[in-house]
């Protein structure tokens, strides 16, 4: 005879069923309250990468940190801030666009306050970065004796346009002789004009004192228009023509582009061997995506 097995379902009283139901409802209510609380806390207390105020604050802090880590910080004319320069300084795209639109009307800002009025940068940004602003000095006309005018002219430092400086103009500076004046002019002619005074720093052999004297007496007063090269469509030969790049770097760029697709931002150049990142601020002025 086969043995039959019987399974007996335990009996649950009504009070037990009510208790189980109440416990289930309590657990569900607790979970809902928990998730609602944390969702509110995340949205209101934790900044995200999509929070414009937080992003702008981070750009300012990063730019201040970047500037503080540099060995030597040279003054610059804020009228000629590029997209890349503005990004590294912590400016937003909207603030950079406002400056570029203002400059497109062939106008210049002449003070830190006017720069803020045009771009809309914050007070904190202006306090941190405006100490590096360098504006061309403007002469004021006043009636003075000829003798005093000549004496003052002998002492006055007049900021000239580096792209119009002659060999004799450069040789007047301490530390700039015939060799370096010729070297500066040769590099200027090769580039088609300096787009930034920073390019002076890349001229071989110039001492730190000579560079400081050049910054003190010269600046890029007139914007130099350069023909930008699309890094995603240009040939290897065209890329090699970009200032401070060479055949080997251009070849690496083309190979990377073929394997990974088009470049979308400057950060991708970190994947290019021997890319001169110390000159990226200048190189970026010749590039387009």
C-alpha atoms as a PDB file:
ATOM      1  CA  UNK A   1       0.000   0.000   0.000  1.00  0.00           C
ATOM      2  CA  UNK A   2       1.217   3.412  -0.870  1.00  0.00           C
ATOM      3  CA  UNK A   3       1.448   5.852   1.897  1.00  0.00           C
ATOM      4  CA  UNK A   4      -0.427   9.099   1.387  1.00  0.00           C
ATOM      5  CA  UNK A   5       0.933  12.339   2.714  1.00  0.00           C
ATOM      6  CA  UNK A   6      -1.343  15.072   3.844  1.00  0.00           C
ATOM      7  CA  UNK A   7      -0.398  18.727   4.247  1.00  0.00           C
ATOM      8  CA  UNK A   8      -2.380  20.717   6.708  1.00  0.00           C
ATOM      9  CA  UNK A   9      -2.611  24.519   6.235  1.00  0.00           C
ATOM     10  CA  UNK A  10      -2.286  26.174   9.616  1.00  0.00           C
ATOM     11  CA  UNK A  11      -5.308  28.161  10.646  1.00  0.00           C
ATOM     12  CA  UNK A  12      -4.870  31.951  10.950  1.00  0.00           C
ATOM     13  CA  UNK A  13      -7.291  33.788  13.103  1.00  0.00           C
ATOM     14  CA  UNK A  14      -8.961  36.996  12.040  1.00  0.00           C
ATOM     15  CA  UNK A  15      -7.033  39.070  14.539  1.00  0.00           C
ATOM     16  CA  UNK A  16      -3.768  37.668  13.152  1.00  0.00           C
ATOM     17  CA  UNK A  17      -4.781  38.565   9.599  1.00  0.00           C
ATOM     18  CA  UNK A  18      -5.627  42.101  10.677  1.00  0.00           C
ATOM     19  CA  UNK A  19      -2.246  42.409  12.403  1.00  0.00           C
ATOM     20  CA  UNK A  20      -0.336  41.197   9.321  1.00  0.00           C
ATOM     21  CA  UNK A  21      -2.217  43.640   7.098  1.00  0.00           C
ATOM     22  CA  UNK A  22      -1.556  46.529   9.479  1.00  0.00           C
ATOM     23  CA  UNK A  23       2.153  45.654   9.622  1.00  0.00           C
ATOM     24  CA  UNK A  24       2.353  45.556   5.794  1.00  0.00           C
ATOM     25  CA  UNK A  25       0.670  48.950   5.496  1.00  0.00           C
ATOM     26  CA  UNK A  26       3.048  50.411   8.114  1.00  0.00           C
ATOM     27  CA  UNK A  27       6.122  49.085   6.256  1.00  0.00           C
ATOM     28  CA  UNK A  28       4.922  50.514   2.931  1.00  0.00           C
ATOM     29  CA  UNK A  29       4.164  53.900   4.506  1.00  0.00           C
ATOM     30  CA  UNK A  30       7.632  54.015   6.060  1.00  0.00           C
ATOM     31  CA  UNK A  31       9.320  53.205   2.719  1.00  0.00           C
ATOM     32  CA  UNK A  32       7.335  55.860   0.875  1.00  0.00           C
ATOM     33  CA  UNK A  33       8.179  58.476   3.508  1.00  0.00           C
ATOM     34  CA  UNK A  34      11.861  57.473   3.388  1.00  0.00           C
ATOM     35  CA  UNK A  35      12.170  57.852  -0.397  1.00  0.00           C
ATOM     36  CA  UNK A  36      10.211  61.118  -0.460  1.00  0.00           C
ATOM     37  CA  UNK A  37      12.487  62.570   2.231  1.00  0.00           C
ATOM     38  CA  UNK A  38      15.717  61.564   0.482  1.00  0.00           C
ATOM     39  CA  UNK A  39      14.453  62.761  -2.903  1.00  0.00           C
ATOM     40  CA  UNK A  40      13.700  66.169  -1.358  1.00  0.00           C
ATOM     41  CA  UNK A  41      17.035  66.278   0.424  1.00  0.00           C
ATOM     42  CA  UNK A  42      18.944  65.384  -2.783  1.00  0.00           C
ATOM     43  CA  UNK A  43      17.188  68.041  -4.826  1.00  0.00           C
ATOM     44  CA  UNK A  44      17.453  70.814  -2.252  1.00  0.00           C
ATOM     45  CA  UNK A  45      20.673  70.149  -0.356  1.00  0.00           C
ATOM     46  CA  UNK A  46      23.018  68.273  -2.711  1.00  0.00           C
ATOM     47  CA  UNK A  47      24.287  70.265  -5.737  1.00  0.00           C
ATOM     48  CA  UNK A  48      24.502  68.395  -9.001  1.00  0.00           C
ATOM     49  CA  UNK A  49      26.610  68.846 -12.121  1.00  0.00           C
ATOM     50  CA  UNK A  50      23.522  70.327 -13.752  1.00  0.00           C
ATOM     51  CA  UNK A  51      23.191  73.121 -11.187  1.00  0.00           C
ATOM     52  CA  UNK A  52      24.400  76.296 -13.043  1.00  0.00           C
ATOM     53  CA  UNK A  53      25.342  78.109  -9.829  1.00  0.00           C
ATOM     54  CA  UNK A  54      27.431  75.172  -8.639  1.00  0.00           C
ATOM     55  CA  UNK A  55      29.133  74.759 -12.025  1.00  0.00           C
ATOM     56  CA  UNK A  56      30.016  78.450 -12.185  1.00  0.00           C
ATOM     57  CA  UNK A  57      31.382  78.351  -8.637  1.00  0.00           C
ATOM     58  CA  UNK A  58      33.555  75.345  -9.503  1.00  0.00           C
ATOM     59  CA  UNK A  59      34.926  77.072 -12.605  1.00  0.00           C
ATOM     60  CA  UNK A  60      35.959  80.076 -10.505  1.00  0.00           C
ATOM     61  CA  UNK A  61      37.604  77.916  -7.846  1.00  0.00           C
ATOM     62  CA  UNK A  62      39.376  75.775 -10.466  1.00  0.00           C
ATOM     63  CA  UNK A  63      40.642  78.836 -12.303  1.00  0.00           C
ATOM     64  CA  UNK A  64      41.962  80.408  -9.082  1.00  0.00           C
ATOM     65  CA  UNK A  65      43.668  77.133  -8.182  1.00  0.00           C
ATOM     66  CA  UNK A  66      45.150  76.848 -11.675  1.00  0.00           C
ATOM     67  CA  UNK A  67      46.479  80.395 -11.578  1.00  0.00           C
ATOM     68  CA  UNK A  68      47.958  79.926  -8.106  1.00  0.00           C
ATOM     69  CA  UNK A  69      49.868  76.827  -9.283  1.00  0.00           C
ATOM     70  CA  UNK A  70      51.635  78.681 -12.074  1.00  0.00           C
ATOM     71  CA  UNK A  71      55.236  79.700 -11.467  1.00  0.00           C
ATOM     72  CA  UNK A  72      54.892  83.124 -13.078  1.00  0.00           C
ATOM     73  CA  UNK A  73      51.639  84.897 -13.930  1.00  0.00           C
ATOM     74  CA  UNK A  74      51.933  87.620 -16.525  1.00  0.00           C
ATOM     75  CA  UNK A  75      49.382  90.409 -17.003  1.00  0.00           C
ATOM     76  CA  UNK A  76      47.084  90.167 -20.022  1.00  0.00           C
ATOM     77  CA  UNK A  77      44.677  92.392 -21.924  1.00  0.00           C
ATOM     78  CA  UNK A  78      41.146  91.082 -21.156  1.00  0.00           C
ATOM     79  CA  UNK A  79      39.891  92.424 -24.481  1.00  0.00           C
ATOM     80  CA  UNK A  80      41.534  89.465 -26.213  1.00  0.00           C
ATOM     81  CA  UNK A  81      40.366  86.600 -23.999  1.00  0.00           C
ATOM     82  CA  UNK A  82      39.760  83.557 -26.208  1.00  0.00           C
ATOM     83  CA  UNK A  83      37.224  80.770 -25.671  1.00  0.00           C
ATOM     84  CA  UNK A  84      39.887  78.571 -24.112  1.00  0.00           C
ATOM     85  CA  UNK A  85      41.366  81.358 -21.973  1.00  0.00           C
ATOM     86  CA  UNK A  86      37.922  82.325 -20.718  1.00  0.00           C
ATOM     87  CA  UNK A  87      37.159  78.698 -19.856  1.00  0.00           C
ATOM     88  CA  UNK A  88      40.387  78.289 -17.874  1.00  0.00           C
ATOM     89  CA  UNK A  89      39.669  81.533 -16.019  1.00  0.00           C
ATOM     90  CA  UNK A  90      36.269  80.241 -14.928  1.00  0.00           C
ATOM     91  CA  UNK A  91      34.043  82.312 -17.194  1.00  0.00           C
ATOM     92  CA  UNK A  92      30.777  80.824 -18.413  1.00  0.00           C
ATOM     93  CA  UNK A  93      30.047  80.380 -22.121  1.00  0.00           C
ATOM     94  CA  UNK A  94      27.449  83.141 -21.909  1.00  0.00           C
ATOM     95  CA  UNK A  95      29.969  85.569 -20.388  1.00  0.00           C
ATOM     96  CA  UNK A  96      32.564  84.726 -23.056  1.00  0.00           C
ATOM     97  CA  UNK A  97      30.001  85.168 -25.839  1.00  0.00           C
ATOM     98  CA  UNK A  98      29.056  88.609 -24.486  1.00  0.00           C
ATOM     99  CA  UNK A  99      32.698  89.699 -24.600  1.00  0.00           C
ATOM    100  CA  UNK A 100      33.192  88.356 -28.133  1.00  0.00           C
ATOM    101  CA  UNK A 101      29.988  90.054 -29.307  1.00  0.00           C
ATOM    102  CA  UNK A 102      31.164  93.349 -27.786  1.00  0.00           C
ATOM    103  CA  UNK A 103      34.568  93.019 -29.473  1.00  0.00           C
ATOM    104  CA  UNK A 104      32.892  92.229 -32.793  1.00  0.00           C
ATOM    105  CA  UNK A 105      31.633  95.829 -32.793  1.00  0.00           C
ATOM    106  CA  UNK A 106      35.280  96.991 -32.751  1.00  0.00           C
ATOM    107  CA  UNK A 107      34.991  98.330 -29.202  1.00  0.00           C
ATOM    108  CA  UNK A 108      37.271  97.763 -26.215  1.00  0.00           C
ATOM    109  CA  UNK A 109      36.774  97.677 -22.462  1.00  0.00           C
ATOM    110  CA  UNK A 110      39.106 100.009 -20.602  1.00  0.00           C
ATOM    111  CA  UNK A 111      38.622  99.011 -16.967  1.00  0.00           C
ATOM    112  CA  UNK A 112      37.754  96.024 -14.791  1.00  0.00           C
ATOM    113  CA  UNK A 113      34.362  97.557 -13.976  1.00  0.00           C
ATOM    114  CA  UNK A 114      33.557  98.024 -17.665  1.00  0.00           C
ATOM    115  CA  UNK A 115      34.609  94.425 -18.301  1.00  0.00           C
ATOM    116  CA  UNK A 116      32.110  93.278 -15.655  1.00  0.00           C
ATOM    117  CA  UNK A 117      29.355  95.440 -17.147  1.00  0.00           C
ATOM    118  CA  UNK A 118      29.917  93.913 -20.596  1.00  0.00           C
ATOM    119  CA  UNK A 119      30.301  90.259 -19.571  1.00  0.00           C
ATOM    120  CA  UNK A 120      28.268  90.070 -16.357  1.00  0.00           C
ATOM    121  CA  UNK A 121      30.962  88.203 -14.392  1.00  0.00           C
ATOM    122  CA  UNK A 122      30.452  87.950 -10.631  1.00  0.00           C
ATOM    123  CA  UNK A 123      32.126  90.236  -8.061  1.00  0.00           C
ATOM    124  CA  UNK A 124      34.073  87.275  -6.692  1.00  0.00           C
ATOM    125  CA  UNK A 125      35.436  86.412 -10.138  1.00  0.00           C
ATOM    126  CA  UNK A 126      36.371  90.029 -10.793  1.00  0.00           C
ATOM    127  CA  UNK A 127      38.171  90.383  -7.436  1.00  0.00           C
ATOM    128  CA  UNK A 128      40.224  87.236  -8.110  1.00  0.00           C
ATOM    129  CA  UNK A 129      41.139  87.721 -11.773  1.00  0.00           C
ATOM    130  CA  UNK A 130      41.118  91.470 -12.463  1.00  0.00           C
ATOM    131  CA  UNK A 131      44.465  91.877 -10.670  1.00  0.00           C
ATOM    132  CA  UNK A 132      46.018  90.364 -13.832  1.00  0.00           C
ATOM    133  CA  UNK A 133      44.276  92.780 -16.224  1.00  0.00           C
ATOM    134  CA  UNK A 134      46.536  95.008 -18.261  1.00  0.00           C
ATOM    135  CA  UNK A 135      45.020  97.867 -20.255  1.00  0.00           C
ATOM    136  CA  UNK A 136      46.955 100.085 -22.680  1.00  0.00           C
ATOM    137  CA  UNK A 137      47.829 103.351 -21.024  1.00  0.00           C
ATOM    138  CA  UNK A 138      45.973 106.401 -22.336  1.00  0.00           C
ATOM    139  CA  UNK A 139      47.642 109.796 -22.418  1.00  0.00           C
ATOM    140  CA  UNK A 140      45.837 112.845 -21.104  1.00  0.00           C
ATOM    141  CA  UNK A 141      46.435 116.192 -22.783  1.00  0.00           C
ATOM    142  CA  UNK A 142      47.315 119.091 -20.502  1.00  0.00           C
ATOM    143  CA  UNK A 143      48.992 122.436 -20.949  1.00  0.00           C
ATOM    144  CA  UNK A 144      52.545 122.194 -19.616  1.00  0.00           C
ATOM    145  CA  UNK A 145      55.835 123.814 -20.568  1.00  0.00           C
ATOM    146  CA  UNK A 146      57.787 122.120 -23.362  1.00  0.00           C
ATOM    147  CA  UNK A 147      60.703 121.432 -21.016  1.00  0.00           C
ATOM    148  CA  UNK A 148      58.448 119.495 -18.610  1.00  0.00           C
ATOM    149  CA  UNK A 149      56.875 117.548 -21.456  1.00  0.00           C
ATOM    150  CA  UNK A 150      60.284 116.446 -22.714  1.00  0.00           C
ATOM    151  CA  UNK A 151      61.432 115.491 -19.206  1.00  0.00           C
ATOM    152  CA  UNK A 152      58.267 113.485 -18.594  1.00  0.00           C
ATOM    153  CA  UNK A 153      58.515 111.787 -21.984  1.00  0.00           C
ATOM    154  CA  UNK A 154      62.010 110.592 -21.107  1.00  0.00           C
ATOM    155  CA  UNK A 155      60.638 108.803 -18.035  1.00  0.00           C
ATOM    156  CA  UNK A 156      57.236 107.684 -19.307  1.00  0.00           C
ATOM    157  CA  UNK A 157      56.697 104.069 -20.345  1.00  0.00           C
ATOM    158  CA  UNK A 158      54.630 104.004 -23.538  1.00  0.00           C
ATOM    159  CA  UNK A 159      53.027 100.680 -24.395  1.00  0.00           C
ATOM    160  CA  UNK A 160      53.568  99.970 -28.088  1.00  0.00           C
ATOM    161  CA  UNK A 161      52.133  97.354 -30.418  1.00  0.00           C
ATOM    162  CA  UNK A 162      54.506  94.382 -30.512  1.00  0.00           C
ATOM    163  CA  UNK A 163      53.421  93.635 -34.076  1.00  0.00           C
ATOM    164  CA  UNK A 164      54.559  97.081 -35.234  1.00  0.00           C
ATOM    165  CA  UNK A 165      57.797  97.229 -33.260  1.00  0.00           C
ATOM    166  CA  UNK A 166      60.937  97.756 -35.335  1.00  0.00           C
ATOM    167  CA  UNK A 167      64.350  96.272 -34.724  1.00  0.00           C
ATOM    168  CA  UNK A 168      65.457  99.574 -33.191  1.00  0.00           C
ATOM    169  CA  UNK A 169      62.393  99.720 -30.906  1.00  0.00           C
ATOM    170  CA  UNK A 170      63.184  96.293 -29.485  1.00  0.00           C
ATOM    171  CA  UNK A 171      66.892  97.009 -29.027  1.00  0.00           C
ATOM    172  CA  UNK A 172      66.048  99.920 -26.716  1.00  0.00           C
ATOM    173  CA  UNK A 173      65.019  97.429 -24.043  1.00  0.00           C
ATOM    174  CA  UNK A 174      67.474  96.068 -21.537  1.00  0.00           C
ATOM    175  CA  UNK A 175      68.520  92.523 -22.468  1.00  0.00           C
ATOM    176  CA  UNK A 176      67.335  92.782 -26.094  1.00  0.00           C
ATOM    177  CA  UNK A 177      70.262  93.102 -28.502  1.00  0.00           C
ATOM    178  CA  UNK A 178      70.590  92.523 -32.226  1.00  0.00           C
ATOM    179  CA  UNK A 179      70.284  88.737 -31.936  1.00  0.00           C
ATOM    180  CA  UNK A 180      67.075  88.687 -29.904  1.00  0.00           C
ATOM    181  CA  UNK A 181      65.445  91.591 -31.749  1.00  0.00           C
ATOM    182  CA  UNK A 182      66.015  89.731 -35.032  1.00  0.00           C
ATOM    183  CA  UNK A 183      64.757  86.501 -33.462  1.00  0.00           C
ATOM    184  CA  UNK A 184      61.549  88.202 -32.258  1.00  0.00           C
ATOM    185  CA  UNK A 185      60.852  89.751 -35.661  1.00  0.00           C
ATOM    186  CA  UNK A 186      61.579  86.459 -37.466  1.00  0.00           C
ATOM    187  CA  UNK A 187      59.123  84.587 -35.226  1.00  0.00           C
ATOM    188  CA  UNK A 188      56.526  87.336 -35.672  1.00  0.00           C
ATOM    189  CA  UNK A 189      56.837  87.119 -39.460  1.00  0.00           C
ATOM    190  CA  UNK A 190      56.628  83.315 -39.380  1.00  0.00           C
ATOM    191  CA  UNK A 191      53.376  83.442 -37.369  1.00  0.00           C
ATOM    192  CA  UNK A 192      51.886  86.261 -39.383  1.00  0.00           C
ATOM    193  CA  UNK A 193      51.823  88.398 -36.257  1.00  0.00           C
ATOM    194  CA  UNK A 194      51.621  87.616 -32.552  1.00  0.00           C
ATOM    195  CA  UNK A 195      48.052  86.935 -31.458  1.00  0.00           C
ATOM    196  CA  UNK A 196      49.036  86.999 -27.766  1.00  0.00           C
ATOM    197  CA  UNK A 197      51.970  88.475 -25.869  1.00  0.00           C
ATOM    198  CA  UNK A 198      52.412  85.039 -24.295  1.00  0.00           C
ATOM    199  CA  UNK A 199      54.024  83.921 -27.568  1.00  0.00           C
ATOM    200  CA  UNK A 200      57.036  86.014 -26.590  1.00  0.00           C
ATOM    201  CA  UNK A 201      57.722  83.510 -23.813  1.00  0.00           C
ATOM    202  CA  UNK A 202      58.234  80.716 -26.365  1.00  0.00           C
ATOM    203  CA  UNK A 203      61.090  82.457 -28.170  1.00  0.00           C
ATOM    204  CA  UNK A 204      64.239  80.521 -27.418  1.00  0.00           C
ATOM    205  CA  UNK A 205      66.908  82.176 -25.305  1.00  0.00           C
ATOM    206  CA  UNK A 206      64.987  85.153 -23.913  1.00  0.00           C
ATOM    207  CA  UNK A 207      65.708  85.677 -20.236  1.00  0.00           C
ATOM    208  CA  UNK A 208      62.955  86.240 -17.670  1.00  0.00           C
ATOM    209  CA  UNK A 209      64.095  89.858 -17.304  1.00  0.00           C
ATOM    210  CA  UNK A 210      63.836  90.396 -21.075  1.00  0.00           C
ATOM    211  CA  UNK A 211      60.342  88.897 -21.148  1.00  0.00           C
ATOM    212  CA  UNK A 212      59.229  91.178 -18.306  1.00  0.00           C
ATOM    213  CA  UNK A 213      60.612  94.227 -20.115  1.00  0.00           C
ATOM    214  CA  UNK A 214      58.745  93.237 -23.268  1.00  0.00           C
ATOM    215  CA  UNK A 215      55.499  92.832 -21.316  1.00  0.00           C
ATOM    216  CA  UNK A 216      56.062  96.216 -19.700  1.00  0.00           C
ATOM    217  CA  UNK A 217      56.654  98.083 -22.953  1.00  0.00           C
ATOM    218  CA  UNK A 218      54.599  96.192 -25.542  1.00  0.00           C
ATOM    219  CA  UNK A 219      51.264  94.471 -26.015  1.00  0.00           C
ATOM    220  CA  UNK A 220      49.039  93.181 -28.841  1.00  0.00           C
ATOM    221  CA  UNK A 221      47.016  96.347 -29.339  1.00  0.00           C
ATOM    222  CA  UNK A 222      45.300  95.379 -32.591  1.00  0.00           C
ATOM    223  CA  UNK A 223      43.609  92.013 -32.965  1.00  0.00           C
ATOM    224  CA  UNK A 224      45.335  89.683 -35.417  1.00  0.00           C
ATOM    225  CA  UNK A 225      42.842  87.718 -37.494  1.00  0.00           C
ATOM    226  CA  UNK A 226      43.948  84.125 -38.032  1.00  0.00           C
ATOM    227  CA  UNK A 227      42.459  81.506 -40.332  1.00  0.00           C
ATOM    228  CA  UNK A 228      41.217  78.651 -38.171  1.00  0.00           C
ATOM    229  CA  UNK A 229      41.733  75.045 -39.244  1.00  0.00           C
ATOM    230  CA  UNK A 230      39.055  72.427 -38.582  1.00  0.00           C
ATOM    231  CA  UNK A 231      40.899  69.737 -36.652  1.00  0.00           C
ATOM    232  CA  UNK A 232      38.341  67.103 -37.708  1.00  0.00           C
ATOM    233  CA  UNK A 233      38.649  67.630 -41.462  1.00  0.00           C
ATOM    234  CA  UNK A 234      42.145  69.055 -41.991  1.00  0.00           C
ATOM    235  CA  UNK A 235      44.860  66.943 -43.570  1.00  0.00           C
ATOM    236  CA  UNK A 236      48.028  65.968 -41.774  1.00  0.00           C
ATOM    237  CA  UNK A 237      50.002  68.584 -43.718  1.00  0.00           C
ATOM    238  CA  UNK A 238      47.556  71.368 -42.799  1.00  0.00           C
ATOM    239  CA  UNK A 239      47.568  70.397 -39.110  1.00  0.00           C
ATOM    240  CA  UNK A 240      51.379  70.460 -39.101  1.00  0.00           C
ATOM    241  CA  UNK A 241      51.223  74.119 -40.203  1.00  0.00           C
ATOM    242  CA  UNK A 242      49.467  75.152 -36.977  1.00  0.00           C
ATOM    243  CA  UNK A 243      51.930  77.067 -34.756  1.00  0.00           C
ATOM    244  CA  UNK A 244      53.783  74.882 -32.219  1.00  0.00           C
ATOM    245  CA  UNK A 245      52.653  71.606 -33.836  1.00  0.00           C
ATOM    246  CA  UNK A 246      54.827  69.438 -36.068  1.00  0.00           C
ATOM    247  CA  UNK A 247      54.613  66.489 -38.458  1.00  0.00           C
ATOM    248  CA  UNK A 248      54.706  63.805 -35.740  1.00  0.00           C
ATOM    249  CA  UNK A 249      52.005  65.448 -33.597  1.00  0.00           C
ATOM    250  CA  UNK A 250      49.846  66.019 -36.703  1.00  0.00           C
ATOM    251  CA  UNK A 251      50.243  62.340 -37.618  1.00  0.00           C
ATOM    252  CA  UNK A 252      49.175  61.247 -34.106  1.00  0.00           C
ATOM    253  CA  UNK A 253      46.123  63.533 -34.310  1.00  0.00           C
ATOM    254  CA  UNK A 254      45.017  62.030 -37.643  1.00  0.00           C
ATOM    255  CA  UNK A 255      45.507  58.465 -36.360  1.00  0.00           C
ATOM    256  CA  UNK A 256      43.551  59.162 -33.174  1.00  0.00           C
ATOM    257  CA  UNK A 257      40.800  60.883 -35.154  1.00  0.00           C
ATOM    258  CA  UNK A 258      40.496  57.895 -37.501  1.00  0.00           C
ATOM    259  CA  UNK A 259      40.233  55.447 -34.601  1.00  0.00           C
ATOM    260  CA  UNK A 260      38.128  57.408 -32.103  1.00  0.00           C
ATOM    261  CA  UNK A 261      36.104  59.789 -34.253  1.00  0.00           C
ATOM    262  CA  UNK A 262      35.965  63.586 -34.311  1.00  0.00           C
ATOM    263  CA  UNK A 263      37.455  65.736 -31.554  1.00  0.00           C
ATOM    264  CA  UNK A 264      34.807  67.521 -29.488  1.00  0.00           C
ATOM    265  CA  UNK A 265      36.909  69.474 -26.971  1.00  0.00           C
ATOM    266  CA  UNK A 266      40.488  70.379 -26.085  1.00  0.00           C
ATOM    267  CA  UNK A 267      40.711  67.795 -23.292  1.00  0.00           C
ATOM    268  CA  UNK A 268      40.984  65.014 -25.880  1.00  0.00           C
ATOM    269  CA  UNK A 269      44.441  66.259 -26.845  1.00  0.00           C
ATOM    270  CA  UNK A 270      45.654  64.570 -23.647  1.00  0.00           C
ATOM    271  CA  UNK A 271      45.613  61.370 -25.711  1.00  0.00           C
ATOM    272  CA  UNK A 272      48.119  62.791 -28.205  1.00  0.00           C
ATOM    273  CA  UNK A 273      51.737  61.946 -27.356  1.00  0.00           C
ATOM    274  CA  UNK A 274      54.041  64.982 -26.898  1.00  0.00           C
ATOM    275  CA  UNK A 275      51.219  67.479 -27.403  1.00  0.00           C
ATOM    276  CA  UNK A 276      52.498  70.899 -26.160  1.00  0.00           C
ATOM    277  CA  UNK A 277      49.887  71.641 -23.518  1.00  0.00           C
ATOM    278  CA  UNK A 278      51.847  74.651 -22.273  1.00  0.00           C
ATOM    279  CA  UNK A 279      50.981  76.285 -25.614  1.00  0.00           C
ATOM    280  CA  UNK A 280      47.364  75.074 -25.852  1.00  0.00           C
ATOM    281  CA  UNK A 281      45.981  78.542 -25.085  1.00  0.00           C
ATOM    282  CA  UNK A 282      47.645  79.846 -28.257  1.00  0.00           C
ATOM    283  CA  UNK A 283      47.065  76.720 -30.369  1.00  0.00           C
ATOM    284  CA  UNK A 284      43.340  76.839 -29.591  1.00  0.00           C
ATOM    285  CA  UNK A 285      43.105  80.201 -31.393  1.00  0.00           C
ATOM    286  CA  UNK A 286      44.020  78.465 -34.651  1.00  0.00           C
ATOM    287  CA  UNK A 287      41.601  75.521 -34.239  1.00  0.00           C
ATOM    288  CA  UNK A 288      37.955  74.863 -34.975  1.00  0.00           C
ATOM    289  CA  UNK A 289      35.815  71.802 -34.332  1.00  0.00           C
END
